[in-house]
Amino acid sequence: MSSTFSANGLQIFTKSALRGVGQVMFQNNALTGLLFLCGIFYQSSTYGLAALLGSLTGTATAYLLNLDLEQKRNGLFGFNGALVALGLIYFLEANFSSWCYAALAAATSTVIMQLFYKILSKKKLPTLTAPFVVTTLIFLSINTLLNLFRPATHSAISHYENGPWEGIIQGISQVFFQENTISGLLMLLGLLINSKRAFIWAIIGSTTGFITGFLLSAPHEVLGAGAYGFNGALTALALGSVFLSDHWKNHIIIIIATILTTLSFVGISKLFLPLGLPVMTLPFVLVTWVFIFLTARN
């Protein structure tokens, strides 16, 4: 009897962790989360393991702290952990100690997520990926102050040969720090399986970000790598498939919000550059909060 219960509990926990990966793009679907993971593993097994570790750790921490059962099962304590662990392994040299550091950060993101939830729920605002951004910035800053780990080195690849469609698709994969067209296609497939509406808005958001970056004369290699698309894709996904109704007036609002997200990405990047800190999904979080607040009032 106990073995059956344990097997059932393990199955629930595993699905919760996979949903956590899916919830990075607002998809409460274990299969979608699995396809997202496949997209990450396609480019790098190291990054795939980091995302999996982060979601498992964030979810396990929520269970240990006895947090809301429905939120745990829906993966809402896994997605920030997945991004935190992935981000730290992406920015820091990978070794046993940095993996432990990433796991600690993923667990911390669950605590910060709960704090954000208690504060923001009073304002009727979602936490989004704010816990990921805050936790990662804290742990990167600690690393800089204490000189714990060396920064990771990434091979420089020219993206002048990338066409617009590759830059747009990689705008999807860059949500998970992945610069790969096949990875982006697998993630789009994950979206399509769970929500056609989310699939469409992700493409619209990344495309709008790409076009805005092009009009701002962004470097071709940066556009081709999808760097101007991922924040816009998340904003369009959030507003278009979760927080706003499917009305033509809202469609215009979403496009405007996506453009402003890309402009914010440029501005915050310039602000963070002297600090040596990454922007990550901060533009998406700030702009989405503003538009949810404004549309709720109206």
Protein backbone atom coordinates (compact mmCIF):
# COMPACT_ATOMS: atom_id res chain seq x y z
CA MET A 1 0.00 0.00 0.00
CA SER A 2 2.78 2.40 0.95
CA SER A 3 4.72 1.56 -2.22
CA THR A 4 1.65 2.39 -4.31
CA PHE A 5 1.27 5.69 -2.49
CA SER A 6 4.97 6.47 -2.99
CA ALA A 7 4.78 5.66 -6.70
CA ASN A 8 1.71 7.86 -7.06
CA GLY A 9 3.39 10.66 -5.11
CA LEU A 10 6.49 10.44 -7.29
CA GLN A 11 4.33 10.62 -10.41
CA ILE A 12 2.54 13.72 -9.12
CA PHE A 13 5.84 15.35 -8.15
CA THR A 14 7.39 14.59 -11.55
CA LYS A 15 4.41 16.05 -13.40
CA SER A 16 4.54 19.12 -11.16
CA ALA A 17 8.21 19.66 -12.04
CA LEU A 18 7.53 19.24 -15.77
CA ARG A 19 4.60 21.63 -15.52
CA GLY A 20 7.05 24.01 -13.84
CA VAL A 21 9.15 24.07 -17.01
CA GLY A 22 5.98 24.59 -19.07
CA GLN A 23 4.86 27.44 -16.82
CA VAL A 24 7.86 29.49 -17.95
CA MET A 25 5.59 30.26 -20.91
CA PHE A 26 2.32 29.99 -18.95
CA GLN A 27 1.57 26.41 -20.03
CA ASN A 28 0.16 24.15 -17.33
CA ASN A 29 1.00 21.00 -19.25
CA ALA A 30 3.60 18.35 -18.40
CA LEU A 31 4.03 17.31 -22.06
CA THR A 32 4.65 20.92 -23.05
CA GLY A 33 7.24 21.17 -20.28
CA LEU A 34 8.87 18.00 -21.57
CA LEU A 35 9.08 19.45 -25.09
CA PHE A 36 10.60 22.64 -23.69
CA LEU A 37 13.19 20.48 -21.94
CA CYS A 38 13.85 18.58 -25.18
CA GLY A 39 14.49 21.92 -26.86
CA ILE A 40 17.04 22.83 -24.19
CA PHE A 41 18.69 19.40 -24.22
CA TYR A 42 18.94 19.60 -28.02
CA GLN A 43 21.39 22.48 -27.72
CA SER A 44 23.07 21.46 -24.47
CA SER A 45 22.68 18.58 -22.05
CA THR A 46 24.27 20.80 -19.40
CA TYR A 47 21.59 23.46 -19.75
CA GLY A 48 18.87 20.81 -19.94
CA LEU A 49 20.03 19.28 -16.66
CA ALA A 50 20.21 22.75 -15.10
CA ALA A 51 16.60 23.55 -16.04
CA LEU A 52 15.45 20.16 -14.75
CA LEU A 53 17.43 20.55 -11.51
CA GLY A 54 15.97 24.01 -10.96
CA SER A 55 12.37 22.94 -11.46
CA LEU A 56 12.80 19.86 -9.26
CA THR A 57 14.50 21.88 -6.52
CA GLY A 58 12.00 24.74 -6.63
CA THR A 59 9.07 22.31 -6.52
CA ALA A 60 10.62 20.18 -3.76
CA THR A 61 11.21 23.31 -1.66
CA ALA A 62 7.54 24.22 -2.00
CA TYR A 63 6.55 20.75 -0.77
CA LEU A 64 8.98 20.98 2.16
CA LEU A 65 7.56 24.37 3.13
CA ASN A 66 4.02 22.99 2.79
CA LEU A 67 2.95 25.74 0.39
CA ASP A 68 -0.32 25.80 -1.53
CA LEU A 69 -1.07 22.32 -2.92
CA GLU A 70 -2.80 23.45 -6.11
CA GLN A 71 0.00 25.87 -6.97
CA LYS A 72 2.58 23.13 -6.39
CA ARG A 73 0.80 20.65 -8.61
CA ASN A 74 0.34 23.27 -11.33
CA GLY A 75 4.09 23.88 -11.44
CA LEU A 76 3.97 27.43 -10.14
CA PHE A 77 6.96 26.89 -7.85
CA GLY A 78 9.07 25.24 -10.53
CA PHE A 79 9.35 27.72 -13.37
CA ASN A 80 11.35 30.38 -11.55
CA GLY A 81 13.64 27.69 -10.14
CA ALA A 82 14.19 26.27 -13.62
CA LEU A 83 15.17 29.68 -14.99
CA VAL A 84 17.35 30.53 -11.98
CA ALA A 85 19.42 27.34 -12.15
CA LEU A 86 19.65 27.58 -15.93
CA GLY A 87 20.69 31.22 -15.75
CA LEU A 88 23.42 30.67 -13.16
CA ILE A 89 24.87 27.70 -15.04
CA TYR A 90 24.73 29.80 -18.20
CA PHE A 91 26.54 32.79 -16.65
CA LEU A 92 28.96 30.92 -14.37
CA GLU A 93 31.57 28.29 -15.08
CA ALA A 94 29.97 24.89 -14.47
CA ASN A 95 31.55 22.72 -11.77
CA PHE A 96 30.28 20.82 -8.73
CA SER A 97 30.30 23.90 -6.50
CA SER A 98 28.48 26.11 -8.99
CA TRP A 99 25.84 23.38 -9.47
CA CYS A 100 25.26 23.39 -5.71
CA TYR A 101 25.11 27.18 -5.83
CA ALA A 102 22.49 27.00 -8.60
CA ALA A 103 20.42 24.48 -6.62
CA LEU A 104 20.53 26.73 -3.55
CA ALA A 105 19.43 29.67 -5.68
CA ALA A 106 16.56 27.64 -7.16
CA ALA A 107 15.36 26.78 -3.65
CA THR A 108 15.65 30.44 -2.67
CA SER A 109 13.53 31.45 -5.65
CA THR A 110 10.61 29.50 -4.17
CA VAL A 111 10.82 31.51 -0.95
CA ILE A 112 11.08 34.76 -2.92
CA MET A 113 8.19 33.61 -5.12
CA GLN A 114 5.99 33.18 -2.04
CA LEU A 115 6.98 36.65 -0.75
CA PHE A 116 6.18 38.22 -4.13
CA TYR A 117 2.86 36.37 -4.24
CA LYS A 118 1.78 37.68 -0.83
CA ILE A 119 2.69 41.26 -1.78
CA LEU A 120 1.46 41.34 -5.37
CA SER A 121 -1.77 39.42 -4.82
CA LYS A 122 -3.04 42.40 -2.80
CA LYS A 123 -2.55 44.52 -5.93
CA LYS A 124 -4.02 41.75 -8.11
CA LEU A 125 -0.75 41.42 -10.01
CA PRO A 126 0.95 38.13 -10.99
CA THR A 127 4.50 37.34 -9.90
CA LEU A 128 5.53 36.38 -13.46
CA THR A 129 9.31 35.78 -13.62
CA ALA A 130 10.15 38.52 -11.10
CA PRO A 131 11.44 35.96 -8.54
CA PHE A 132 13.77 34.55 -11.22
CA VAL A 133 15.15 37.98 -12.06
CA VAL A 134 15.60 39.06 -8.43
CA THR A 135 17.10 35.75 -7.27
CA THR A 136 19.52 35.51 -10.19
CA LEU A 137 20.67 39.12 -9.77
CA ILE A 138 21.24 38.53 -6.04
CA PHE A 139 23.27 35.37 -6.57
CA LEU A 140 25.27 36.86 -9.45
CA SER A 141 26.03 39.92 -7.31
CA ILE A 142 27.13 37.72 -4.39
CA ASN A 143 29.38 35.82 -6.77
CA THR A 144 30.93 39.07 -7.99
CA LEU A 145 31.50 40.37 -4.46
CA LEU A 146 32.98 37.13 -3.11
CA ASN A 147 34.61 35.99 -6.36
CA LEU A 148 33.25 32.46 -5.93
CA PHE A 149 33.11 31.27 -9.55
CA ARG A 150 34.58 32.44 -12.81
CA PRO A 151 32.21 33.69 -15.50
CA ALA A 152 31.28 31.18 -18.16
CA THR A 153 32.82 31.60 -21.59
CA HIS A 154 30.59 31.30 -24.64
CA SER A 155 32.00 30.79 -28.09
CA ALA A 156 31.43 33.77 -30.36
CA ILE A 157 29.35 32.78 -33.37
CA SER A 158 28.51 35.07 -36.26
CA HIS A 159 24.79 35.37 -36.94
CA TYR A 160 24.94 37.51 -40.07
CA GLU A 161 23.88 34.45 -42.05
CA ASN A 162 20.69 34.04 -40.00
CA GLY A 163 17.54 35.11 -41.79
CA PRO A 164 14.64 36.93 -40.08
CA TRP A 165 12.68 33.72 -39.52
CA GLU A 166 15.63 32.20 -37.65
CA GLY A 167 15.96 35.28 -35.48
CA ILE A 168 12.22 35.15 -34.72
CA ILE A 169 12.26 31.46 -33.78
CA GLN A 170 15.37 31.91 -31.68
CA GLY A 171 13.48 34.68 -29.90
CA ILE A 172 11.40 31.80 -28.49
CA SER A 173 14.37 29.63 -27.53
CA GLN A 174 16.12 32.59 -25.88
CA VAL A 175 13.45 32.52 -23.17
CA PHE A 176 15.54 29.58 -21.90
CA PHE A 177 18.92 31.12 -22.87
CA GLN A 178 19.06 28.85 -25.93
CA GLU A 179 20.37 30.18 -29.24
CA ASN A 180 19.12 27.46 -31.53
CA THR A 181 16.44 27.31 -34.22
CA ILE A 182 15.57 23.63 -33.64
CA SER A 183 15.23 24.35 -29.92
CA GLY A 184 12.84 27.18 -30.74
CA LEU A 185 10.76 24.93 -33.02
CA LEU A 186 10.46 22.28 -30.31
CA MET A 187 9.28 24.93 -27.86
CA LEU A 188 6.76 26.25 -30.37
CA LEU A 189 5.49 22.69 -30.80
CA GLY A 190 5.08 22.50 -27.02
CA LEU A 191 3.00 25.68 -27.11
CA LEU A 192 0.88 24.46 -30.02
CA ILE A 193 0.08 21.17 -28.25
CA ASN A 194 -1.38 23.00 -25.26
CA SER A 195 -2.71 26.25 -26.72
CA LYS A 196 -3.03 27.45 -30.31
CA ARG A 197 -3.62 30.96 -28.99
CA ALA A 198 -0.37 30.89 -27.00
CA PHE A 199 1.47 29.54 -30.05
CA ILE A 200 0.23 32.44 -32.22
CA TRP A 201 0.96 35.15 -29.67
CA ALA A 202 4.48 33.83 -29.00
CA ILE A 203 5.28 34.15 -32.71
CA ILE A 204 3.66 37.60 -32.92
CA GLY A 205 5.59 38.77 -29.85
CA SER A 206 8.94 37.55 -31.09
CA THR A 207 8.28 38.97 -34.56
CA THR A 208 7.30 42.36 -33.15
CA GLY A 209 10.44 42.42 -31.03
CA PHE A 210 12.57 41.49 -34.04
CA ILE A 211 11.01 44.21 -36.22
CA THR A 212 11.35 46.81 -33.46
CA GLY A 213 15.01 45.89 -33.02
CA PHE A 214 15.55 46.12 -36.78
CA LEU A 215 13.97 49.60 -36.88
CA LEU A 216 16.26 50.62 -34.01
CA SER A 217 19.24 49.51 -36.14
CA ALA A 218 20.19 46.72 -33.74
CA PRO A 219 23.28 44.72 -34.79
CA HIS A 220 22.43 41.94 -37.25
CA GLU A 221 24.15 39.29 -35.16
CA VAL A 222 22.08 40.25 -32.10
CA LEU A 223 18.84 40.18 -34.09
CA GLY A 224 19.78 36.84 -35.64
CA ALA A 225 20.43 35.35 -32.21
CA GLY A 226 16.89 36.21 -31.08
CA ALA A 227 17.95 38.62 -28.34
CA TYR A 228 15.27 41.16 -29.29
CA GLY A 229 12.48 38.60 -29.37
CA PHE A 230 12.24 36.74 -26.09
CA ASN A 231 10.95 39.52 -23.85
CA GLY A 232 8.40 40.52 -26.47
CA ALA A 233 7.32 36.90 -26.88
CA LEU A 234 6.69 36.60 -23.13
CA THR A 235 4.75 39.88 -22.99
CA ALA A 236 2.54 38.87 -25.93
CA LEU A 237 2.06 35.40 -24.42
CA ALA A 238 1.08 36.79 -21.02
CA LEU A 239 -1.32 39.46 -22.23
CA GLY A 240 -2.61 37.64 -25.31
CA SER A 241 -3.23 34.19 -23.91
CA VAL A 242 -3.64 34.72 -20.15
CA PHE A 243 -4.55 38.15 -18.87
CA LEU A 244 -6.54 39.91 -21.63
CA SER A 245 -9.59 38.74 -23.54
CA ASP A 246 -9.45 37.86 -27.22
CA HIS A 247 -10.82 41.20 -28.47
CA TRP A 248 -9.44 43.24 -31.36
CA LYS A 249 -8.91 46.29 -29.13
CA ASN A 250 -6.81 44.17 -26.80
CA HIS A 251 -4.80 42.94 -29.79
CA ILE A 252 -3.69 46.52 -30.43
CA ILE A 253 -2.83 46.96 -26.74
CA ILE A 254 -0.73 43.79 -26.81
CA ILE A 255 1.25 44.93 -29.86
CA ILE A 256 1.92 48.30 -28.19
CA ALA A 257 3.00 46.53 -24.99
CA THR A 258 5.34 44.28 -26.96
CA ILE A 259 6.96 47.26 -28.70
CA LEU A 260 7.41 49.00 -25.34
CA THR A 261 8.92 45.81 -23.93
CA THR A 262 11.57 45.83 -26.66
CA LEU A 263 12.28 49.53 -26.07
CA SER A 264 12.58 48.78 -22.34
CA PHE A 265 15.01 45.98 -23.16
CA VAL A 266 17.25 48.49 -24.93
CA GLY A 267 17.03 51.03 -22.12
CA ILE A 268 17.59 48.59 -19.26
CA SER A 269 20.47 46.96 -21.15
CA LYS A 270 22.27 50.31 -21.27
CA LEU A 271 21.54 50.84 -17.57
CA PHE A 272 22.81 47.39 -16.54
CA LEU A 273 25.88 47.36 -18.81
CA PRO A 274 28.20 49.28 -16.41
CA LEU A 275 27.10 46.94 -13.61
CA GLY A 276 27.95 43.84 -15.62
CA LEU A 277 24.50 42.39 -14.97
CA PRO A 278 22.15 40.71 -17.47
CA VAL A 279 18.70 42.12 -18.25
CA MET A 280 17.03 38.71 -18.55
CA THR A 281 13.20 38.98 -18.48
CA LEU A 282 12.99 42.21 -16.47
CA PRO A 283 11.51 44.26 -19.38
CA PHE A 284 8.73 41.68 -19.80
CA VAL A 285 7.91 41.76 -16.08
CA LEU A 286 7.78 45.55 -15.75
CA VAL A 287 5.79 46.25 -18.92
CA THR A 288 3.32 43.41 -18.30
CA TRP A 289 2.68 44.63 -14.76
CA VAL A 290 1.97 48.14 -16.05
CA PHE A 291 -0.46 46.95 -18.71
CA ILE A 292 -2.29 44.54 -16.39
CA PHE A 293 -2.68 47.36 -13.86
CA LEU A 294 -3.89 49.85 -16.48
CA THR A 295 -6.31 47.50 -18.24
CA ALA A 296 -7.73 46.35 -14.88
CA ARG A 297 -8.46 49.96 -13.91
CA ASN A 298 -10.16 50.64 -17.24
